[in-house]
Amino acid sequence: MNILVVEDEKNLNDAMCHVLTEDGCHAKAAYDGKAGYELAKTGEYDVVVLDVMLPEMDGFEVVHQLRRDGVATPVIIVTAKTSTTDKIEGLDCGADDYMTKPIDTDELLARIRALSRRKGEVPIDEMKFGDLALDLHTHDLRCNGRDVHLSQKEFEVMRMLMSSTGRVVSKHDLLASIWGTEGDTSENSAEAYISFLRKKLSHLHSEVQITTLRMLGYRLEELG
């Protein structure tokens, strides 16, 4: 795999490139946003690992411009920004995944492998799974000519499930990404929003269901 790492902290960039090379990838480093954008828009890379706070051009602007250019290369945003607002901004501008520093290298490699398997399927305006389409701008969920509007939290949960393409999303990842915390209160909230979404899927007469896997998490599945 050809991986582009866009990170202005040279030691961190070099360290990530070293880990990727050791894993059998071909890693290319860029140390500012403009250079990263120029390299990424060639479409020669399987995955782009992108910092947010970059000189010349910030990471959100880079990924937004790539999507405007029609470049579908999967992008993982890697940043010290941890707020839910920042995560939403990153995903809404076209990123496929979001990791916060400090980075666990094994997790980074796993996410890169997952994204590389679906290169070229990057949705810009909507996400699809089965008979469902999720509008990333209006937050409407559509199915068979019907649609329902999702609240902000419902939208975030559904987008995370749909972006996992049928893989299990652990409750830990769901809580950390959307609520930014753990604990009984947050767990109850997560379960409540899963219940809300199930009711809306039923209202849409969708063939997609949210399955609970005990001790593991949730995933989307198509009936039949």
C-alpha atoms as a PDB file:
ATOM      1  CA  MET A   1       0.000   0.000   0.000  1.00  0.00           C
ATOM      2  CA  ASN A   2       1.063   3.568  -0.693  1.00  0.00           C
ATOM      3  CA  ILE A   3       0.417   5.757   2.350  1.00  0.00           C
ATOM      4  CA  LEU A   4       0.792   9.535   2.538  1.00  0.00           C
ATOM      5  CA  VAL A   5       1.505  10.944   6.018  1.00  0.00           C
ATOM      6  CA  VAL A   6       0.850  14.677   6.362  1.00  0.00           C
ATOM      7  CA  GLU A   7       2.165  15.842   9.738  1.00  0.00           C
ATOM      8  CA  ASP A   8       4.244  18.949  10.493  1.00  0.00           C
ATOM      9  CA  GLU A   9       5.918  17.489  13.590  1.00  0.00           C
ATOM     10  CA  LYS A  10       8.880  15.865  11.862  1.00  0.00           C
ATOM     11  CA  ASN A  11       9.751  13.333  14.559  1.00  0.00           C
ATOM     12  CA  LEU A  12       6.164  12.072  14.726  1.00  0.00           C
ATOM     13  CA  ASN A  13       5.866  11.972  10.947  1.00  0.00           C
ATOM     14  CA  ASP A  14       9.118  10.053  10.610  1.00  0.00           C
ATOM     15  CA  ALA A  15       8.040   7.646  13.357  1.00  0.00           C
ATOM     16  CA  MET A  16       4.711   6.901  11.632  1.00  0.00           C
ATOM     17  CA  CYS A  17       6.449   6.424   8.289  1.00  0.00           C
ATOM     18  CA  HIS A  18       8.891   4.021   9.948  1.00  0.00           C
ATOM     19  CA  VAL A  19       6.053   1.959  11.463  1.00  0.00           C
ATOM     20  CA  LEU A  20       4.260   1.852   8.103  1.00  0.00           C
ATOM     21  CA  THR A  21       7.423   0.811   6.278  1.00  0.00           C
ATOM     22  CA  GLU A  22       8.059  -1.940   8.818  1.00  0.00           C
ATOM     23  CA  ASP A  23       4.522  -3.162   8.144  1.00  0.00           C
ATOM     24  CA  GLY A  24       5.287  -3.448   4.431  1.00  0.00           C
ATOM     25  CA  CYS A  25       3.794  -0.164   3.217  1.00  0.00           C
ATOM     26  CA  HIS A  26       5.392   2.503   1.036  1.00  0.00           C
ATOM     27  CA  ALA A  27       5.176   5.678   3.126  1.00  0.00           C
ATOM     28  CA  LYS A  28       5.616   9.234   1.855  1.00  0.00           C
ATOM     29  CA  ALA A  29       5.967  12.191   4.233  1.00  0.00           C
ATOM     30  CA  ALA A  30       4.647  15.732   3.775  1.00  0.00           C
ATOM     31  CA  TYR A  31       5.259  18.369   6.426  1.00  0.00           C
ATOM     32  CA  ASP A  32       2.673  21.031   5.593  1.00  0.00           C
ATOM     33  CA  GLY A  33      -0.903  21.100   4.338  1.00  0.00           C
ATOM     34  CA  LYS A  34      -0.213  22.536   0.900  1.00  0.00           C
ATOM     35  CA  ALA A  35       2.449  19.936   0.090  1.00  0.00           C
ATOM     36  CA  GLY A  36       0.156  17.204   1.413  1.00  0.00           C
ATOM     37  CA  TYR A  37      -2.729  18.426  -0.736  1.00  0.00           C
ATOM     38  CA  GLU A  38      -0.579  18.549  -3.897  1.00  0.00           C
ATOM     39  CA  LEU A  39       0.572  14.965  -3.314  1.00  0.00           C
ATOM     40  CA  ALA A  40      -2.830  13.619  -2.278  1.00  0.00           C
ATOM     41  CA  LYS A  41      -4.696  15.056  -5.267  1.00  0.00           C
ATOM     42  CA  THR A  42      -2.624  12.869  -7.617  1.00  0.00           C
ATOM     43  CA  GLY A  43      -4.704   9.907  -6.427  1.00  0.00           C
ATOM     44  CA  GLU A  44      -1.584   7.751  -6.164  1.00  0.00           C
ATOM     45  CA  TYR A  45      -2.104   6.861  -2.502  1.00  0.00           C
ATOM     46  CA  ASP A  46      -4.290   4.190  -0.955  1.00  0.00           C
ATOM     47  CA  VAL A  47      -4.794   6.090   2.322  1.00  0.00           C
ATOM     48  CA  VAL A  48      -3.854   9.564   3.587  1.00  0.00           C
ATOM     49  CA  VAL A  49      -3.000  10.043   7.276  1.00  0.00           C
ATOM     50  CA  LEU A  50      -3.634  13.729   7.907  1.00  0.00           C
ATOM     51  CA  ASP A  51      -2.953  16.068  10.838  1.00  0.00           C
ATOM     52  CA  VAL A  52      -5.309  19.035  11.346  1.00  0.00           C
ATOM     53  CA  MET A  53      -3.125  21.844  12.671  1.00  0.00           C
ATOM     54  CA  LEU A  54      -0.767  22.259   9.712  1.00  0.00           C
ATOM     55  CA  PRO A  55       1.099  25.234   8.232  1.00  0.00           C
ATOM     56  CA  GLU A  56       0.059  26.592   4.808  1.00  0.00           C
ATOM     57  CA  MET A  57      -3.291  24.761   4.771  1.00  0.00           C
ATOM     58  CA  ASP A  58      -5.073  23.075   7.687  1.00  0.00           C
ATOM     59  CA  GLY A  59      -6.150  19.447   7.522  1.00  0.00           C
ATOM     60  CA  PHE A  60      -9.889  20.169   7.346  1.00  0.00           C
ATOM     61  CA  GLU A  61      -9.288  22.432   4.352  1.00  0.00           C
ATOM     62  CA  VAL A  62      -7.078  19.798   2.709  1.00  0.00           C
ATOM     63  CA  VAL A  63      -9.678  17.023   2.883  1.00  0.00           C
ATOM     64  CA  HIS A  64     -12.515  19.386   1.921  1.00  0.00           C
ATOM     65  CA  GLN A  65     -10.631  20.506  -1.188  1.00  0.00           C
ATOM     66  CA  LEU A  66      -9.734  16.922  -2.107  1.00  0.00           C
ATOM     67  CA  ARG A  67     -13.401  15.955  -2.031  1.00  0.00           C
ATOM     68  CA  ARG A  68     -14.309  19.019  -4.118  1.00  0.00           C
ATOM     69  CA  ASP A  69     -11.688  17.858  -6.623  1.00  0.00           C
ATOM     70  CA  GLY A  70     -13.339  14.437  -6.761  1.00  0.00           C
ATOM     71  CA  VAL A  71     -10.439  12.668  -5.059  1.00  0.00           C
ATOM     72  CA  ALA A  72     -11.916   9.659  -3.231  1.00  0.00           C
ATOM     73  CA  THR A  73      -8.761   8.486  -1.440  1.00  0.00           C
ATOM     74  CA  PRO A  74      -9.665   7.490   2.144  1.00  0.00           C
ATOM     75  CA  VAL A  75      -8.432   9.971   4.767  1.00  0.00           C
ATOM     76  CA  ILE A  76      -7.725   9.336   8.445  1.00  0.00           C
ATOM     77  CA  ILE A  77      -7.512  12.542  10.447  1.00  0.00           C
ATOM     78  CA  VAL A  78      -4.978  12.310  13.276  1.00  0.00           C
ATOM     79  CA  THR A  79      -5.001  15.194  15.723  1.00  0.00           C
ATOM     80  CA  ALA A  80      -4.740  16.364  19.293  1.00  0.00           C
ATOM     81  CA  LYS A  81      -8.207  17.940  18.971  1.00  0.00           C
ATOM     82  CA  THR A  82     -10.567  15.753  20.965  1.00  0.00           C
ATOM     83  CA  SER A  83     -13.879  17.626  21.120  1.00  0.00           C
ATOM     84  CA  THR A  84     -16.965  16.153  19.520  1.00  0.00           C
ATOM     85  CA  THR A  85     -17.371  19.371  17.510  1.00  0.00           C
ATOM     86  CA  ASP A  86     -13.935  18.903  15.953  1.00  0.00           C
ATOM     87  CA  LYS A  87     -14.677  15.264  15.142  1.00  0.00           C
ATOM     88  CA  ILE A  88     -17.956  16.199  13.489  1.00  0.00           C
ATOM     89  CA  GLU A  89     -16.243  18.926  11.459  1.00  0.00           C
ATOM     90  CA  GLY A  90     -13.566  16.495  10.298  1.00  0.00           C
ATOM     91  CA  LEU A  91     -16.068  13.828   9.246  1.00  0.00           C
ATOM     92  CA  ASP A  92     -18.450  16.329   7.665  1.00  0.00           C
ATOM     93  CA  CYS A  93     -15.713  17.800   5.471  1.00  0.00           C
ATOM     94  CA  GLY A  94     -15.081  14.367   3.976  1.00  0.00           C
ATOM     95  CA  ALA A  95     -12.698  12.439   6.232  1.00  0.00           C
ATOM     96  CA  ASP A  96     -13.344   8.722   6.685  1.00  0.00           C
ATOM     97  CA  ASP A  97     -11.921   8.199  10.162  1.00  0.00           C
ATOM     98  CA  TYR A  98     -10.703  10.259  13.111  1.00  0.00           C
ATOM     99  CA  MET A  99      -7.992   9.335  15.621  1.00  0.00           C
ATOM    100  CA  THR A 100      -6.752  11.413  18.537  1.00  0.00           C
ATOM    101  CA  LYS A 101      -3.180  11.661  19.725  1.00  0.00           C
ATOM    102  CA  PRO A 102      -1.289   9.929  21.216  1.00  0.00           C
ATOM    103  CA  ILE A 103      -1.676   7.313  18.487  1.00  0.00           C
ATOM    104  CA  ASP A 104      -1.667   3.587  19.103  1.00  0.00           C
ATOM    105  CA  THR A 105       0.310   2.329  16.105  1.00  0.00           C
ATOM    106  CA  ASP A 106      -1.407  -1.076  15.993  1.00  0.00           C
ATOM    107  CA  GLU A 107      -4.807   0.631  15.862  1.00  0.00           C
ATOM    108  CA  LEU A 108      -3.572   3.007  13.148  1.00  0.00           C
ATOM    109  CA  LEU A 109      -2.392   0.088  11.022  1.00  0.00           C
ATOM    110  CA  ALA A 110      -5.719  -1.722  11.509  1.00  0.00           C
ATOM    111  CA  ARG A 111      -7.703   1.353  10.467  1.00  0.00           C
ATOM    112  CA  ILE A 112      -5.507   1.878   7.415  1.00  0.00           C
ATOM    113  CA  ARG A 113      -6.081  -1.725   6.339  1.00  0.00           C
ATOM    114  CA  ALA A 114      -9.832  -1.347   6.807  1.00  0.00           C
ATOM    115  CA  LEU A 115      -9.989   1.861   4.777  1.00  0.00           C
ATOM    116  CA  SER A 116      -7.750   0.590   1.983  1.00  0.00           C
ATOM    117  CA  ARG A 117     -10.172  -2.294   1.394  1.00  0.00           C
ATOM    118  CA  ARG A 118     -12.893   0.160   0.411  1.00  0.00           C
ATOM    119  CA  LYS A 119     -10.866   2.707  -1.548  1.00  0.00           C
ATOM    120  CA  GLY A 120     -12.986   4.416  -4.149  1.00  0.00           C
ATOM    121  CA  GLU A 121     -16.207   4.034  -2.185  1.00  0.00           C
ATOM    122  CA  VAL A 122     -15.849   7.290  -0.258  1.00  0.00           C
ATOM    123  CA  PRO A 123     -19.243   8.994  -0.004  1.00  0.00           C
ATOM    124  CA  ILE A 124     -19.241  12.770  -0.260  1.00  0.00           C
ATOM    125  CA  ASP A 125     -22.899  13.794  -0.012  1.00  0.00           C
ATOM    126  CA  GLU A 126     -24.450  10.633   1.356  1.00  0.00           C
ATOM    127  CA  MET A 127     -23.673   7.243   2.828  1.00  0.00           C
ATOM    128  CA  LYS A 128     -25.417   4.035   1.823  1.00  0.00           C
ATOM    129  CA  PHE A 129     -25.977   0.655   3.410  1.00  0.00           C
ATOM    130  CA  GLY A 130     -28.475  -1.832   2.055  1.00  0.00           C
ATOM    131  CA  ASP A 131     -31.668   0.036   1.169  1.00  0.00           C
ATOM    132  CA  LEU A 132     -30.691   3.041   3.332  1.00  0.00           C
ATOM    133  CA  ALA A 133     -29.202   6.378   2.273  1.00  0.00           C
ATOM    134  CA  LEU A 134     -28.014   8.910   4.866  1.00  0.00           C
ATOM    135  CA  ASP A 135     -27.767  12.513   3.682  1.00  0.00           C
ATOM    136  CA  LEU A 136     -24.650  14.013   5.297  1.00  0.00           C
ATOM    137  CA  HIS A 137     -25.933  17.554   4.908  1.00  0.00           C
ATOM    138  CA  THR A 138     -29.622  17.401   5.872  1.00  0.00           C
ATOM    139  CA  HIS A 139     -29.290  14.440   8.297  1.00  0.00           C
ATOM    140  CA  ASP A 140     -32.247  12.752   6.593  1.00  0.00           C
ATOM    141  CA  LEU A 141     -32.366   8.962   6.447  1.00  0.00           C
ATOM    142  CA  ARG A 142     -34.077   7.665   3.288  1.00  0.00           C
ATOM    143  CA  CYS A 143     -35.456   4.289   2.275  1.00  0.00           C
ATOM    144  CA  ASN A 144     -37.862   3.235  -0.491  1.00  0.00           C
ATOM    145  CA  GLY A 145     -39.216   6.738  -1.083  1.00  0.00           C
ATOM    146  CA  ARG A 146     -39.672   7.486   2.627  1.00  0.00           C
ATOM    147  CA  ASP A 147     -37.460   9.638   4.784  1.00  0.00           C
ATOM    148  CA  VAL A 148     -37.059  10.629   8.422  1.00  0.00           C
ATOM    149  CA  HIS A 149     -34.946  13.372   9.936  1.00  0.00           C
ATOM    150  CA  LEU A 150     -32.335  12.322  12.498  1.00  0.00           C
ATOM    151  CA  SER A 151     -31.354  14.358  15.520  1.00  0.00           C
ATOM    152  CA  GLN A 152     -27.668  15.250  15.835  1.00  0.00           C
ATOM    153  CA  LYS A 153     -26.841  12.290  18.096  1.00  0.00           C
ATOM    154  CA  GLU A 154     -28.966   9.870  16.043  1.00  0.00           C
ATOM    155  CA  PHE A 155     -27.113  11.064  12.942  1.00  0.00           C
ATOM    156  CA  GLU A 156     -23.689  10.572  14.543  1.00  0.00           C
ATOM    157  CA  VAL A 157     -24.556   7.048  15.709  1.00  0.00           C
ATOM    158  CA  MET A 158     -26.003   6.049  12.325  1.00  0.00           C
ATOM    159  CA  ARG A 159     -23.072   7.522  10.427  1.00  0.00           C
ATOM    160  CA  MET A 160     -20.613   5.600  12.583  1.00  0.00           C
ATOM    161  CA  LEU A 161     -22.522   2.347  12.037  1.00  0.00           C
ATOM    162  CA  MET A 162     -22.802   2.915   8.285  1.00  0.00           C
ATOM    163  CA  SER A 163     -19.139   3.859   7.907  1.00  0.00           C
ATOM    164  CA  SER A 164     -18.195   0.544   9.509  1.00  0.00           C
ATOM    165  CA  THR A 165     -19.751  -1.325   6.527  1.00  0.00           C
ATOM    166  CA  GLY A 166     -21.250  -4.116   8.611  1.00  0.00           C
ATOM    167  CA  ARG A 167     -18.365  -4.484  11.041  1.00  0.00           C
ATOM    168  CA  VAL A 168     -19.000  -4.389  14.785  1.00  0.00           C
ATOM    169  CA  VAL A 169     -18.790  -0.980  16.444  1.00  0.00           C
ATOM    170  CA  SER A 170     -17.880  -1.456  20.085  1.00  0.00           C
ATOM    171  CA  LYS A 171     -19.768   0.470  22.728  1.00  0.00           C
ATOM    172  CA  HIS A 172     -16.419   1.877  23.878  1.00  0.00           C
ATOM    173  CA  ASP A 173     -15.734   3.378  20.416  1.00  0.00           C
ATOM    174  CA  LEU A 174     -19.283   4.678  20.153  1.00  0.00           C
ATOM    175  CA  LEU A 175     -19.093   6.414  23.527  1.00  0.00           C
ATOM    176  CA  ALA A 176     -15.599   7.824  22.967  1.00  0.00           C
ATOM    177  CA  SER A 177     -16.358   9.167  19.490  1.00  0.00           C
ATOM    178  CA  ILE A 178     -19.811  10.634  20.114  1.00  0.00           C
ATOM    179  CA  TRP A 179     -20.143  11.301  23.831  1.00  0.00           C
ATOM    180  CA  GLY A 180     -16.433  11.686  24.538  1.00  0.00           C
ATOM    181  CA  THR A 181     -16.755   9.759  27.771  1.00  0.00           C
ATOM    182  CA  GLU A 182     -17.741   6.474  29.364  1.00  0.00           C
ATOM    183  CA  GLY A 183     -19.819   5.419  32.361  1.00  0.00           C
ATOM    184  CA  ASP A 184     -23.329   4.278  33.174  1.00  0.00           C
ATOM    185  CA  THR A 185     -25.012   7.525  32.075  1.00  0.00           C
ATOM    186  CA  SER A 186     -23.341   7.514  28.674  1.00  0.00           C
ATOM    187  CA  GLU A 187     -23.997   3.789  28.213  1.00  0.00           C
ATOM    188  CA  ASN A 188     -27.680   4.389  28.877  1.00  0.00           C
ATOM    189  CA  SER A 189     -27.645   7.251  26.360  1.00  0.00           C
ATOM    190  CA  ALA A 190     -26.045   5.057  23.710  1.00  0.00           C
ATOM    191  CA  GLU A 191     -28.627   2.341  24.252  1.00  0.00           C
ATOM    192  CA  ALA A 192     -31.425   4.913  24.096  1.00  0.00           C
ATOM    193  CA  TYR A 193     -30.255   6.283  20.746  1.00  0.00           C
ATOM    194  CA  ILE A 194     -29.875   2.788  19.318  1.00  0.00           C
ATOM    195  CA  SER A 195     -33.505   2.224  20.332  1.00  0.00           C
ATOM    196  CA  PHE A 196     -34.575   5.509  18.673  1.00  0.00           C
ATOM    197  CA  LEU A 197     -32.832   4.494  15.452  1.00  0.00           C
ATOM    198  CA  ARG A 198     -34.433   1.051  15.466  1.00  0.00           C
ATOM    199  CA  LYS A 199     -37.867   2.685  15.658  1.00  0.00           C
ATOM    200  CA  LYS A 200     -37.034   4.912  12.701  1.00  0.00           C
ATOM    201  CA  LEU A 201     -35.772   1.947  10.669  1.00  0.00           C
ATOM    202  CA  SER A 202     -39.058   0.208  11.404  1.00  0.00           C
ATOM    203  CA  HIS A 203     -40.994   3.315  10.317  1.00  0.00           C
ATOM    204  CA  LEU A 204     -39.061   3.332   7.020  1.00  0.00           C
ATOM    205  CA  HIS A 205     -39.807  -0.394   6.488  1.00  0.00           C
ATOM    206  CA  SER A 206     -36.088  -0.890   5.936  1.00  0.00           C
ATOM    207  CA  GLU A 207     -34.503  -4.297   5.417  1.00  0.00           C
ATOM    208  CA  VAL A 208     -31.580  -3.066   7.548  1.00  0.00           C
ATOM    209  CA  GLN A 209     -31.491  -3.732  11.274  1.00  0.00           C
ATOM    210  CA  ILE A 210     -29.156  -2.785  14.111  1.00  0.00           C
ATOM    211  CA  THR A 211     -27.932  -5.974  15.750  1.00  0.00           C
ATOM    212  CA  THR A 212     -26.584  -6.086  19.291  1.00  0.00           C
ATOM    213  CA  LEU A 213     -23.697  -8.478  19.826  1.00  0.00           C
ATOM    214  CA  ARG A 214     -23.427  -9.162  23.532  1.00  0.00           C
ATOM    215  CA  MET A 215     -20.160  -7.877  25.058  1.00  0.00           C
ATOM    216  CA  LEU A 216     -19.009  -6.691  21.617  1.00  0.00           C
ATOM    217  CA  GLY A 217     -21.174  -3.838  20.368  1.00  0.00           C
ATOM    218  CA  TYR A 218     -23.495  -3.077  17.452  1.00  0.00           C
ATOM    219  CA  ARG A 219     -23.530  -3.529  13.690  1.00  0.00           C
ATOM    220  CA  LEU A 220     -25.837  -3.041  10.743  1.00  0.00           C
ATOM    221  CA  GLU A 221     -27.185  -6.136   9.007  1.00  0.00           C
ATOM    222  CA  GLU A 222     -29.512  -6.699   6.073  1.00  0.00           C
ATOM    223  CA  LEU A 223     -32.476  -8.979   6.685  1.00  0.00           C
ATOM    224  CA  GLY A 224     -32.840 -12.013   4.501  1.00  0.00           C
END
